[in-house]
N, C-alpha and C. Protein backbone atom coordinates (compact mmCIF):
# COMPACT_ATOMS: atom_id res chain seq x y z
N MET A 1 87.64 108.25 109.64
CA MET A 1 87.37 107.11 108.78
C MET A 1 88.63 106.72 108.03
N THR A 2 88.72 105.45 107.74
CA THR A 2 89.79 104.91 106.92
C THR A 2 89.23 103.77 106.09
N PHE A 3 89.97 103.31 105.15
CA PHE A 3 89.60 102.13 104.39
C PHE A 3 90.53 101.00 104.81
N VAL A 4 90.03 99.77 104.71
CA VAL A 4 90.80 98.60 105.10
C VAL A 4 90.64 97.51 104.05
N VAL A 5 91.63 96.63 104.00
CA VAL A 5 91.57 95.46 103.14
C VAL A 5 91.06 94.30 103.98
N THR A 6 90.12 93.56 103.44
CA THR A 6 89.53 92.44 104.16
C THR A 6 89.97 91.11 103.56
N ASP A 7 89.42 90.02 104.08
CA ASP A 7 89.91 88.68 103.75
C ASP A 7 89.76 88.24 102.31
N ASN A 8 88.93 88.88 101.51
CA ASN A 8 88.83 88.41 100.13
C ASN A 8 90.09 88.74 99.32
N CYS A 9 90.94 89.60 99.82
CA CYS A 9 92.22 89.87 99.15
C CYS A 9 93.18 88.68 99.27
N ILE A 10 93.01 87.91 100.33
CA ILE A 10 93.92 86.79 100.60
C ILE A 10 93.90 85.80 99.43
N ALA A 11 95.08 85.44 98.97
CA ALA A 11 95.29 84.49 97.88
C ALA A 11 94.85 85.04 96.52
N CYS A 12 94.50 86.31 96.47
CA CYS A 12 94.19 86.98 95.19
C CYS A 12 95.26 88.05 94.92
N LYS A 13 95.35 89.01 95.85
CA LYS A 13 96.33 90.09 95.82
C LYS A 13 96.32 90.86 94.49
N TYR A 14 95.12 91.30 94.11
CA TYR A 14 95.03 92.24 93.00
C TYR A 14 95.66 93.54 93.48
N THR A 15 96.33 94.25 92.61
CA THR A 15 97.00 95.49 93.03
C THR A 15 96.50 96.71 92.27
N ASP A 16 95.33 96.63 91.68
CA ASP A 16 94.74 97.77 90.98
C ASP A 16 94.62 98.97 91.91
N CYS A 17 94.37 98.72 93.18
CA CYS A 17 94.22 99.76 94.19
C CYS A 17 95.50 100.57 94.37
N VAL A 18 96.62 99.91 94.26
CA VAL A 18 97.92 100.56 94.45
C VAL A 18 98.13 101.66 93.40
N SER A 19 97.70 101.40 92.19
CA SER A 19 97.89 102.35 91.09
C SER A 19 97.17 103.67 91.30
N VAL A 20 96.06 103.64 92.03
CA VAL A 20 95.25 104.86 92.19
C VAL A 20 95.46 105.56 93.53
N CYS A 21 96.15 104.93 94.46
CA CYS A 21 96.33 105.51 95.80
C CYS A 21 97.25 106.73 95.73
N PRO A 22 96.76 107.89 96.16
CA PRO A 22 97.59 109.10 96.08
C PRO A 22 98.62 109.22 97.20
N VAL A 23 98.54 108.37 98.23
CA VAL A 23 99.46 108.50 99.36
C VAL A 23 100.29 107.26 99.66
N ASP A 24 100.24 106.27 98.81
CA ASP A 24 101.06 105.07 98.99
C ASP A 24 100.89 104.43 100.37
N CYS A 25 99.65 104.15 100.73
CA CYS A 25 99.39 103.58 102.05
C CYS A 25 99.13 102.08 102.02
N PHE A 26 99.43 101.42 100.90
CA PHE A 26 99.28 99.97 100.80
C PHE A 26 100.60 99.28 101.14
N TYR A 27 100.47 98.17 101.86
CA TYR A 27 101.62 97.37 102.26
C TYR A 27 101.38 95.95 101.80
N GLU A 28 102.48 95.26 101.43
CA GLU A 28 102.36 93.99 100.74
C GLU A 28 102.86 92.80 101.53
N GLY A 29 101.96 91.87 101.74
CA GLY A 29 102.32 90.59 102.31
C GLY A 29 102.53 89.57 101.20
N GLU A 30 102.89 88.39 101.59
CA GLU A 30 103.12 87.33 100.63
C GLU A 30 101.90 87.06 99.76
N ASN A 31 100.70 87.11 100.37
CA ASN A 31 99.53 86.79 99.55
C ASN A 31 98.33 87.73 99.75
N MET A 32 98.58 88.93 100.24
CA MET A 32 97.52 89.95 100.31
C MET A 32 98.13 91.32 100.55
N LEU A 33 97.32 92.33 100.46
CA LEU A 33 97.72 93.71 100.77
C LEU A 33 96.97 94.17 102.01
N VAL A 34 97.48 95.20 102.65
CA VAL A 34 96.78 95.90 103.73
C VAL A 34 96.97 97.39 103.52
N ILE A 35 96.11 98.16 104.18
CA ILE A 35 96.19 99.62 104.17
C ILE A 35 96.63 100.07 105.56
N LYS A 36 97.58 100.97 105.61
CA LYS A 36 97.99 101.53 106.90
C LYS A 36 96.98 102.60 107.29
N PRO A 37 96.16 102.35 108.30
CA PRO A 37 95.08 103.27 108.63
C PRO A 37 95.52 104.71 108.92
N ASP A 38 96.68 104.87 109.53
CA ASP A 38 97.15 106.22 109.87
C ASP A 38 97.63 107.00 108.65
N GLU A 39 97.87 106.32 107.54
CA GLU A 39 98.31 106.99 106.32
C GLU A 39 97.18 107.21 105.32
N CYS A 40 96.12 106.43 105.43
CA CYS A 40 94.99 106.53 104.52
C CYS A 40 94.32 107.90 104.70
N ILE A 41 94.07 108.58 103.59
CA ILE A 41 93.44 109.90 103.66
C ILE A 41 91.93 109.83 103.39
N ASP A 42 91.40 108.62 103.35
CA ASP A 42 89.96 108.41 103.22
C ASP A 42 89.37 108.92 101.92
N CYS A 43 90.17 108.93 100.87
CA CYS A 43 89.67 109.44 99.60
C CYS A 43 88.73 108.45 98.92
N GLY A 44 88.91 107.16 99.18
CA GLY A 44 88.02 106.15 98.64
C GLY A 44 88.25 105.73 97.21
N VAL A 45 89.29 106.24 96.54
CA VAL A 45 89.49 105.87 95.14
C VAL A 45 89.89 104.41 94.98
N CYS A 46 90.43 103.80 96.00
CA CYS A 46 90.86 102.41 95.91
C CYS A 46 89.68 101.43 95.93
N GLU A 47 88.65 101.76 96.66
CA GLU A 47 87.54 100.82 96.86
C GLU A 47 86.92 100.30 95.56
N PRO A 48 86.54 101.16 94.62
CA PRO A 48 85.93 100.63 93.39
C PRO A 48 86.93 99.97 92.45
N GLU A 49 88.23 100.15 92.68
CA GLU A 49 89.25 99.56 91.82
C GLU A 49 89.54 98.10 92.13
N CYS A 50 89.12 97.62 93.29
CA CYS A 50 89.45 96.26 93.72
C CYS A 50 88.54 95.24 93.03
N PRO A 51 89.11 94.41 92.14
CA PRO A 51 88.29 93.40 91.46
C PRO A 51 87.70 92.36 92.42
N ALA A 52 88.32 92.17 93.57
CA ALA A 52 87.84 91.18 94.54
C ALA A 52 86.87 91.78 95.55
N ASP A 53 86.59 93.07 95.44
CA ASP A 53 85.68 93.74 96.38
C ASP A 53 86.13 93.52 97.82
N ALA A 54 87.44 93.65 98.05
CA ALA A 54 88.02 93.37 99.36
C ALA A 54 88.31 94.63 100.18
N ILE A 55 88.05 95.81 99.64
CA ILE A 55 88.34 97.05 100.36
C ILE A 55 87.03 97.63 100.88
N ARG A 56 87.03 97.96 102.16
CA ARG A 56 85.83 98.45 102.83
C ARG A 56 86.16 99.68 103.67
N ALA A 57 85.15 100.52 103.87
CA ALA A 57 85.27 101.65 104.80
C ALA A 57 85.16 101.11 106.22
N ASP A 58 85.91 101.69 107.11
CA ASP A 58 85.87 101.20 108.50
C ASP A 58 84.56 101.51 109.19
N THR A 59 83.69 102.27 108.55
CA THR A 59 82.39 102.59 109.13
C THR A 59 81.36 101.50 108.88
N GLU A 60 81.69 100.52 108.06
CA GLU A 60 80.79 99.40 107.83
C GLU A 60 80.78 98.49 109.06
N PRO A 61 79.73 97.70 109.25
CA PRO A 61 79.66 96.81 110.42
C PRO A 61 80.83 95.82 110.47
N ASP A 62 81.30 95.55 111.68
CA ASP A 62 82.32 94.54 111.96
C ASP A 62 83.67 94.82 111.31
N MET A 63 84.02 96.06 111.11
CA MET A 63 85.30 96.40 110.49
C MET A 63 86.40 96.67 111.50
N GLU A 64 86.07 96.75 112.79
CA GLU A 64 87.08 97.05 113.80
C GLU A 64 88.23 96.05 113.75
N LYS A 65 87.92 94.76 113.59
CA LYS A 65 88.98 93.75 113.55
C LYS A 65 89.88 93.94 112.34
N TRP A 66 89.32 94.45 111.23
CA TRP A 66 90.12 94.66 110.03
C TRP A 66 90.99 95.90 110.14
N VAL A 67 90.53 96.90 110.89
CA VAL A 67 91.38 98.07 111.13
C VAL A 67 92.61 97.63 111.93
N THR A 68 92.39 96.84 112.96
CA THR A 68 93.49 96.33 113.78
C THR A 68 94.41 95.44 112.96
N PHE A 69 93.84 94.55 112.17
CA PHE A 69 94.59 93.65 111.31
C PHE A 69 95.45 94.43 110.33
N ASN A 70 94.86 95.40 109.63
CA ASN A 70 95.60 96.21 108.65
C ASN A 70 96.72 96.99 109.33
N ALA A 71 96.44 97.59 110.48
CA ALA A 71 97.46 98.36 111.19
C ALA A 71 98.64 97.47 111.59
N LYS A 72 98.34 96.26 112.08
CA LYS A 72 99.40 95.34 112.50
C LYS A 72 100.32 94.98 111.34
N TYR A 73 99.75 94.54 110.23
CA TYR A 73 100.59 94.06 109.13
C TYR A 73 101.22 95.20 108.32
N ALA A 74 100.64 96.37 108.35
CA ALA A 74 101.28 97.52 107.69
C ALA A 74 102.58 97.88 108.38
N GLU A 75 102.70 97.56 109.65
CA GLU A 75 103.95 97.80 110.38
C GLU A 75 105.00 96.73 110.08
N LEU A 76 104.58 95.57 109.62
CA LEU A 76 105.48 94.45 109.41
C LEU A 76 105.88 94.23 107.95
N TRP A 77 105.06 94.69 107.04
CA TRP A 77 105.26 94.43 105.61
C TRP A 77 105.77 95.66 104.89
N PRO A 78 106.43 95.48 103.74
CA PRO A 78 106.94 96.62 102.97
C PRO A 78 105.83 97.34 102.20
N VAL A 79 106.04 98.62 101.99
CA VAL A 79 105.10 99.40 101.18
C VAL A 79 105.16 98.90 99.74
N ILE A 80 104.05 98.93 99.05
CA ILE A 80 104.00 98.58 97.63
C ILE A 80 103.64 99.84 96.86
N LEU A 81 104.45 100.16 95.86
CA LEU A 81 104.29 101.42 95.13
C LEU A 81 103.81 101.25 93.69
N GLU A 82 103.88 100.02 93.17
CA GLU A 82 103.48 99.79 91.78
C GLU A 82 102.62 98.53 91.70
N ALA A 83 101.68 98.57 90.77
CA ALA A 83 100.82 97.40 90.55
C ALA A 83 101.63 96.23 90.03
N LYS A 84 101.18 95.04 90.38
CA LYS A 84 101.80 93.79 89.94
C LYS A 84 100.69 92.87 89.44
N GLU A 85 101.08 91.78 88.84
CA GLU A 85 100.11 90.78 88.43
C GLU A 85 99.49 90.13 89.68
N PRO A 86 98.22 89.78 89.64
CA PRO A 86 97.63 89.08 90.79
C PRO A 86 98.23 87.69 90.93
N LEU A 87 97.98 87.08 92.05
CA LEU A 87 98.45 85.71 92.27
C LEU A 87 97.74 84.75 91.32
N GLU A 88 98.40 83.65 91.01
CA GLU A 88 97.81 82.66 90.11
C GLU A 88 96.49 82.11 90.65
N SER A 89 96.34 82.10 91.95
CA SER A 89 95.13 81.58 92.59
C SER A 89 93.97 82.57 92.59
N ALA A 90 94.19 83.79 92.12
CA ALA A 90 93.19 84.85 92.24
C ALA A 90 91.83 84.47 91.65
N ALA A 91 91.80 84.04 90.43
CA ALA A 91 90.53 83.74 89.78
C ALA A 91 89.78 82.60 90.46
N SER A 92 90.51 81.58 90.88
CA SER A 92 89.84 80.41 91.47
C SER A 92 89.43 80.63 92.93
N LEU A 93 90.12 81.52 93.66
CA LEU A 93 89.81 81.71 95.08
C LEU A 93 89.05 82.99 95.39
N ASP A 94 88.84 83.84 94.41
CA ASP A 94 88.08 85.07 94.63
C ASP A 94 86.68 84.72 95.14
N GLY A 95 86.32 85.26 96.29
CA GLY A 95 85.01 85.02 96.86
C GLY A 95 84.92 83.82 97.78
N THR A 96 85.99 83.07 97.93
CA THR A 96 86.01 81.91 98.82
C THR A 96 85.86 82.37 100.27
N GLU A 97 84.99 81.74 101.01
CA GLU A 97 84.79 82.06 102.42
C GLU A 97 85.92 81.49 103.28
N GLY A 98 86.22 82.14 104.39
CA GLY A 98 87.15 81.61 105.37
C GLY A 98 88.62 81.64 105.00
N LYS A 99 89.01 82.50 104.06
CA LYS A 99 90.41 82.51 103.62
C LYS A 99 91.37 82.94 104.71
N LEU A 100 90.92 83.70 105.68
CA LEU A 100 91.81 84.11 106.77
C LEU A 100 92.31 82.88 107.53
N ASP A 101 91.47 81.91 107.72
CA ASP A 101 91.84 80.69 108.46
C ASP A 101 92.56 79.67 107.59
N THR A 102 92.32 79.68 106.29
CA THR A 102 92.83 78.61 105.43
C THR A 102 93.97 79.01 104.50
N HIS A 103 94.09 80.29 104.16
CA HIS A 103 95.07 80.68 103.15
C HIS A 103 96.00 81.83 103.55
N PHE A 104 95.75 82.51 104.65
CA PHE A 104 96.53 83.69 105.01
C PHE A 104 97.97 83.35 105.38
N SER A 105 98.90 84.16 104.88
CA SER A 105 100.31 84.07 105.24
C SER A 105 100.73 85.36 105.93
N GLU A 106 101.38 85.26 107.07
CA GLU A 106 101.91 86.43 107.78
C GLU A 106 103.20 86.95 107.16
N ASN A 107 103.77 86.21 106.24
CA ASN A 107 105.05 86.58 105.65
C ASN A 107 104.94 87.85 104.81
N PRO A 108 105.95 88.69 104.86
CA PRO A 108 105.97 89.86 103.98
C PRO A 108 106.24 89.44 102.54
N ALA A 109 105.94 90.32 101.64
CA ALA A 109 106.24 90.07 100.22
C ALA A 109 107.74 90.00 100.04
N THR A 110 108.14 89.27 99.02
CA THR A 110 109.55 89.23 98.64
C THR A 110 109.68 89.84 97.27
N GLU A 111 110.87 90.12 96.85
CA GLU A 111 111.10 90.72 95.53
C GLU A 111 110.50 89.87 94.41
N ALA A 112 110.52 88.56 94.57
CA ALA A 112 110.02 87.67 93.54
C ALA A 112 108.49 87.61 93.52
N ALA A 113 107.84 88.10 94.58
CA ALA A 113 106.38 88.02 94.68
C ALA A 113 105.68 88.95 93.73
């Protein structure tokens, strides 16, 4: 089992989860985070910390695509080790449906992000 970040993180990018992760398995894109499945130790401490409710166990229905998605972008994006402020759009876009198609950026985080 592993935990994965799903589409509600997109355009929110709360980083409360990063602060509690004991193994630094979060990776940062321009407008969301992902978990590297091979590094996640399945402790689950990140899941209740996410204000956007975007972290799920891979044992939940339809999570296979998110395991693949998280694994792909964890290889492309830099690790994030410290919490940051959420994106300005977080409050207004939290819970918005279809963010993967409308708001997702493949770009890695930059120092200014």
